[in-house]
Protein backbone atom coordinates (compact mmCIF):
# COMPACT_ATOMS: atom_id res chain seq x y z
CA MET A 1 129.30 72.52 77.11
CA GLY A 2 130.69 75.65 77.36
CA ARG A 3 130.19 77.00 73.38
CA ALA A 4 126.33 75.57 73.58
CA ALA A 5 125.75 77.42 77.15
CA GLU A 6 127.11 80.71 74.90
CA MET A 7 124.68 80.12 72.42
CA LEU A 8 121.91 79.78 74.45
CA GLY A 9 123.14 82.78 76.82
CA VAL A 10 123.08 80.50 79.82
CA THR A 11 125.84 79.22 82.36
CA PRO A 12 127.45 75.66 82.20
CA ALA A 13 125.75 75.09 85.64
CA PHE A 14 122.36 75.35 83.85
CA LEU A 15 123.12 73.06 81.41
CA ARG A 16 124.79 70.95 84.55
CA SER A 17 121.47 71.48 86.19
CA LEU A 18 119.11 70.11 83.21
CA ASP A 19 121.48 66.91 82.62
CA THR A 20 120.97 66.63 86.87
CA ALA A 21 116.68 66.97 85.87
CA ARG A 22 117.46 64.03 83.28
CA LEU A 23 115.76 66.54 81.00
CA ILE A 24 118.81 66.66 79.20
CA VAL A 25 121.01 63.72 78.66
CA PRO A 26 123.96 64.84 76.30
CA GLN A 27 126.02 62.33 74.75
CA ARG A 28 129.57 62.46 76.01
CA SER A 29 133.22 62.63 73.46
CA PRO A 30 135.69 60.28 74.23
CA GLY A 31 137.51 63.07 76.23
CA GLY A 32 134.22 63.49 78.52
CA HIS A 33 132.51 66.47 77.36
CA ARG A 34 129.42 66.96 76.43
CA ARG A 35 127.63 66.66 73.48
CA TYR A 36 124.07 68.14 72.90
CA SER A 37 122.08 67.83 69.87
CA ARG A 38 120.34 70.55 68.63
CA TYR A 39 117.09 68.77 69.78
CA GLN A 40 118.47 68.97 72.99
CA LEU A 41 119.77 72.54 72.81
CA ARG A 42 115.26 73.53 71.65
CA LEU A 43 114.74 72.30 74.98
CA ALA A 44 117.45 73.58 76.89
CA GLN A 45 116.00 76.79 75.16
CA ARG A 46 112.38 76.30 75.90
CA ALA A 47 113.76 75.63 79.82
CA ARG A 48 115.62 78.95 80.00
CA ASP A 49 112.31 80.75 78.61
CA LEU A 50 110.68 79.10 81.34
CA VAL A 51 112.47 79.59 83.78
CA ASP A 52 113.56 83.69 82.44
CA GLU A 53 109.48 83.64 83.21
CA GLY A 54 109.59 82.72 86.68
CA THR A 55 108.42 79.06 87.00
CA SER A 56 111.29 76.54 88.78
CA LEU A 57 113.40 74.16 86.96
CA GLU A 58 111.70 71.53 88.33
CA SER A 59 108.34 72.94 87.08
CA ALA A 60 110.21 73.60 83.80
CA CYS A 61 110.76 70.05 83.43
CA ARG A 62 107.44 69.14 83.82
CA ILE A 63 106.00 71.46 81.42
CA ILE A 64 108.88 70.60 78.42
CA ILE A 65 108.24 66.44 79.30
CA LEU A 66 104.48 66.74 78.84
CA GLU A 67 104.60 69.33 76.08
CA ASP A 68 107.09 67.03 74.25
CA GLN A 69 104.79 63.63 74.87
CA LEU A 70 101.85 65.80 73.61
CA ALA A 71 103.05 66.71 70.89
CA GLU A 72 103.74 63.21 70.10
CA ALA A 73 100.46 62.20 70.76
CA GLN A 74 98.86 64.25 68.13
CA ARG A 75 101.64 63.40 65.95
CA ILE A 76 100.76 59.22 66.70
CA ASN A 77 96.48 60.72 66.22
CA ALA A 78 97.41 62.48 63.08
CA GLN A 79 98.93 59.37 61.51
CA LEU A 80 96.38 57.09 62.67
CA ARG A 81 93.90 59.45 61.27
CA ARG A 82 95.59 59.31 58.01
CA ASP A 83 95.62 55.22 58.17
CA ARG A 84 91.61 55.05 58.46
CA ARG A 85 90.90 57.75 55.60
CA ALA A 86 93.37 55.72 53.35
CA GLU A 87 91.71 52.23 54.64
CA ASN A 88 88.15 53.70 53.89
CA SER A 89 89.27 55.12 50.55
CA GLU A 90 90.34 51.50 48.91
């Protein structure tokens, strides 16, 4: 956790708060240390940016969740369009 906090320029308490808010739930090492994926670190960075802009942590987490859901919906929509075009060209 200390290394992740250092990389992001945040405190370990900030990362713990993201875990408490259930935005990021890191894996645990056998010794109980938190292990963050690159994706989780990107989410943490986005949360930090929003909080630095004056957004509350709760609101920042909700924004990030909605952004993530939107990106997934757009990905699915694009795939469906590609599938439809492929069906129409056969």
